[in-house]
Amino acid sequence: MALEAAVKCGYYEEPRQRSVTEIATEVDVPSTTFQYRLNRAEAWLAKQFATDSVSVKIDADLNLEDIEFR
């Protein structure tokens, strides 16, 4: 999963430990594919947070194929 790889590789650390390109190379997917899947996972998380924390009613459906690569 893109989000899992990003967390494990320090993408969300301050300062950032690795770039999208470096993580994509490590997990052996094209960087554009990795970026797309990471963006989809982040969007899903943001929607879930908004729904759960601030009572925003949204459609947070997610196709797991959009964020996983196995």
N, C-alpha and C. Protein backbone atom coordinates (compact mmCIF):
# COMPACT_ATOMS: atom_id res chain seq x y z
N MET A 1 0.84 -1.18 0.00
CA MET A 1 0.00 0.00 0.00
C MET A 1 0.89 1.25 0.00
N ALA A 2 0.56 2.21 -0.80
CA ALA A 2 1.37 3.42 -0.94
C ALA A 2 1.51 4.19 0.37
N LEU A 3 0.41 4.34 1.07
CA LEU A 3 0.46 5.10 2.33
C LEU A 3 1.35 4.41 3.35
N GLU A 4 1.24 3.11 3.45
CA GLU A 4 2.08 2.35 4.38
C GLU A 4 3.56 2.52 4.03
N ALA A 5 3.90 2.42 2.76
CA ALA A 5 5.29 2.58 2.34
C ALA A 5 5.78 3.99 2.65
N ALA A 6 4.93 5.00 2.41
CA ALA A 6 5.32 6.39 2.68
C ALA A 6 5.60 6.61 4.17
N VAL A 7 4.77 6.05 5.02
CA VAL A 7 4.97 6.19 6.47
C VAL A 7 6.26 5.48 6.88
N LYS A 8 6.43 4.25 6.43
CA LYS A 8 7.61 3.47 6.80
C LYS A 8 8.91 4.12 6.33
N CYS A 9 8.85 4.81 5.21
CA CYS A 9 10.06 5.41 4.64
C CYS A 9 10.30 6.85 5.10
N GLY A 10 9.48 7.34 6.00
CA GLY A 10 9.70 8.67 6.54
C GLY A 10 9.23 9.82 5.67
N TYR A 11 8.32 9.56 4.76
CA TYR A 11 7.81 10.60 3.88
C TYR A 11 7.11 11.72 4.66
N TYR A 12 6.48 11.36 5.77
CA TYR A 12 5.74 12.36 6.55
C TYR A 12 6.54 12.93 7.72
N GLU A 13 7.81 12.58 7.81
CA GLU A 13 8.67 13.13 8.85
C GLU A 13 9.07 14.56 8.50
N GLU A 14 9.52 15.27 9.50
CA GLU A 14 10.00 16.65 9.29
C GLU A 14 11.45 16.72 9.72
N PRO A 15 12.40 16.87 8.86
CA PRO A 15 12.25 16.98 7.42
C PRO A 15 11.95 15.62 6.79
N ARG A 16 11.41 15.66 5.61
CA ARG A 16 11.06 14.44 4.87
C ARG A 16 12.30 13.59 4.68
N GLN A 17 12.18 12.28 4.98
CA GLN A 17 13.33 11.37 4.88
C GLN A 17 13.58 10.87 3.46
N ARG A 18 12.51 10.65 2.70
CA ARG A 18 12.64 10.18 1.32
C ARG A 18 11.59 10.84 0.45
N SER A 19 11.89 10.95 -0.82
CA SER A 19 10.96 11.53 -1.78
C SER A 19 10.03 10.45 -2.34
N VAL A 20 9.01 10.89 -3.02
CA VAL A 20 8.10 9.97 -3.70
C VAL A 20 8.88 9.10 -4.68
N THR A 21 9.78 9.70 -5.41
CA THR A 21 10.57 8.96 -6.39
C THR A 21 11.41 7.88 -5.73
N GLU A 22 12.04 8.20 -4.61
CA GLU A 22 12.87 7.23 -3.90
C GLU A 22 12.03 6.07 -3.37
N ILE A 23 10.87 6.38 -2.81
CA ILE A 23 10.01 5.33 -2.26
C ILE A 23 9.46 4.46 -3.39
N ALA A 24 9.06 5.09 -4.49
CA ALA A 24 8.55 4.33 -5.64
C ALA A 24 9.60 3.37 -6.16
N THR A 25 10.84 3.81 -6.21
CA THR A 25 11.93 2.94 -6.66
C THR A 25 12.08 1.77 -5.69
N GLU A 26 11.99 2.04 -4.41
CA GLU A 26 12.15 0.98 -3.40
C GLU A 26 11.05 -0.07 -3.50
N VAL A 27 9.81 0.37 -3.77
CA VAL A 27 8.70 -0.59 -3.85
C VAL A 27 8.47 -1.08 -5.29
N ASP A 28 9.33 -0.62 -6.20
CA ASP A 28 9.34 -1.09 -7.58
C ASP A 28 8.04 -0.81 -8.34
N VAL A 29 7.60 0.45 -8.27
CA VAL A 29 6.49 0.92 -9.11
C VAL A 29 6.91 2.26 -9.71
N PRO A 30 6.34 2.63 -10.85
CA PRO A 30 6.66 3.94 -11.42
C PRO A 30 6.29 5.06 -10.43
N SER A 31 7.07 6.12 -10.41
CA SER A 31 6.82 7.20 -9.45
C SER A 31 5.46 7.86 -9.68
N THR A 32 5.01 7.94 -10.93
CA THR A 32 3.69 8.53 -11.20
C THR A 32 2.58 7.66 -10.62
N THR A 33 2.74 6.36 -10.72
CA THR A 33 1.77 5.43 -10.15
C THR A 33 1.76 5.54 -8.63
N PHE A 34 2.96 5.57 -8.04
CA PHE A 34 3.05 5.70 -6.59
C PHE A 34 2.41 7.00 -6.13
N GLN A 35 2.70 8.11 -6.81
CA GLN A 35 2.13 9.42 -6.43
C GLN A 35 0.61 9.40 -6.53
N TYR A 36 0.08 8.81 -7.59
CA TYR A 36 -1.37 8.71 -7.75
C TYR A 36 -2.00 7.93 -6.60
N ARG A 37 -1.41 6.79 -6.28
CA ARG A 37 -1.97 5.96 -5.21
C ARG A 37 -1.84 6.62 -3.85
N LEU A 38 -0.74 7.31 -3.62
CA LEU A 38 -0.57 8.04 -2.37
C LEU A 38 -1.59 9.17 -2.27
N ASN A 39 -1.81 9.89 -3.35
CA ASN A 39 -2.81 10.96 -3.36
C ASN A 39 -4.21 10.42 -3.07
N ARG A 40 -4.54 9.29 -3.67
CA ARG A 40 -5.86 8.67 -3.44
C ARG A 40 -6.01 8.24 -1.98
N ALA A 41 -4.96 7.67 -1.41
CA ALA A 41 -5.01 7.25 0.00
C ALA A 41 -5.15 8.46 0.91
N GLU A 42 -4.42 9.53 0.63
CA GLU A 42 -4.51 10.75 1.44
C GLU A 42 -5.89 11.38 1.34
N ALA A 43 -6.47 11.38 0.15
CA ALA A 43 -7.81 11.92 -0.03
C ALA A 43 -8.83 11.11 0.76
N TRP A 44 -8.69 9.80 0.73
CA TRP A 44 -9.58 8.93 1.48
C TRP A 44 -9.46 9.20 2.98
N LEU A 45 -8.22 9.33 3.47
CA LEU A 45 -8.02 9.64 4.89
C LEU A 45 -8.63 10.98 5.27
N ALA A 46 -8.46 11.98 4.44
CA ALA A 46 -9.02 13.29 4.72
C ALA A 46 -10.55 13.23 4.79
N LYS A 47 -11.15 12.50 3.86
CA LYS A 47 -12.61 12.35 3.87
C LYS A 47 -13.08 11.61 5.10
N GLN A 48 -12.36 10.55 5.47
CA GLN A 48 -12.73 9.80 6.67
C GLN A 48 -12.62 10.67 7.91
N PHE A 49 -11.55 11.44 8.00
CA PHE A 49 -11.36 12.34 9.13
C PHE A 49 -12.49 13.35 9.21
N ALA A 50 -12.82 13.96 8.07
CA ALA A 50 -13.89 14.95 8.04
C ALA A 50 -15.22 14.32 8.44
N THR A 51 -15.48 13.14 7.96
CA THR A 51 -16.73 12.45 8.29
C THR A 51 -16.79 12.10 9.77
N ASP A 52 -15.70 11.57 10.31
CA ASP A 52 -15.68 11.10 11.70
C ASP A 52 -15.52 12.22 12.72
N SER A 53 -14.75 13.26 12.38
CA SER A 53 -14.38 14.26 13.37
C SER A 53 -15.22 15.53 13.33
N VAL A 54 -15.66 15.92 12.18
CA VAL A 54 -16.40 17.17 12.10
C VAL A 54 -17.78 17.00 11.49
N SER A 55 -18.25 15.79 11.48
CA SER A 55 -19.61 15.47 11.04
C SER A 55 -19.96 15.95 9.64
N VAL A 56 -19.00 15.86 8.74
CA VAL A 56 -19.27 16.19 7.35
C VAL A 56 -19.79 14.94 6.68
N LYS A 57 -20.88 15.05 5.95
CA LYS A 57 -21.47 13.91 5.26
C LYS A 57 -20.93 13.88 3.83
N ILE A 58 -20.11 12.87 3.52
CA ILE A 58 -19.54 12.75 2.18
C ILE A 58 -19.54 11.30 1.76
N ASP A 59 -19.34 11.08 0.49
CA ASP A 59 -19.19 9.74 -0.05
C ASP A 59 -17.71 9.41 -0.04
N ALA A 60 -17.28 8.52 0.86
CA ALA A 60 -15.86 8.20 1.00
C ALA A 60 -15.53 6.82 0.45
N ASP A 61 -16.26 6.41 -0.58
CA ASP A 61 -15.98 5.10 -1.19
C ASP A 61 -14.60 5.12 -1.81
N LEU A 62 -13.93 3.98 -1.72
CA LEU A 62 -12.59 3.88 -2.27
C LEU A 62 -12.41 2.52 -2.92
N ASN A 63 -11.89 2.54 -4.11
CA ASN A 63 -11.53 1.31 -4.79
C ASN A 63 -10.10 0.97 -4.37
N LEU A 64 -9.91 -0.12 -3.65
CA LEU A 64 -8.59 -0.46 -3.14
C LEU A 64 -7.55 -0.62 -4.24
N GLU A 65 -7.97 -0.92 -5.44
CA GLU A 65 -7.02 -1.01 -6.55
C GLU A 65 -6.37 0.34 -6.85
N ASP A 66 -7.00 1.43 -6.42
CA ASP A 66 -6.43 2.76 -6.64
C ASP A 66 -5.26 3.07 -5.71
N ILE A 67 -5.13 2.34 -4.60
CA ILE A 67 -4.08 2.68 -3.65
C ILE A 67 -3.12 1.54 -3.34
N GLU A 68 -3.40 0.34 -3.81
CA GLU A 68 -2.53 -0.79 -3.51
C GLU A 68 -1.78 -1.23 -4.75
N PHE A 69 -0.60 -1.76 -4.52
CA PHE A 69 0.17 -2.36 -5.60
C PHE A 69 0.82 -3.62 -5.05
N ARG A 70 0.36 -4.72 -5.53
CA ARG A 70 0.91 -6.00 -5.09
C ARG A 70 0.91 -6.95 -6.24
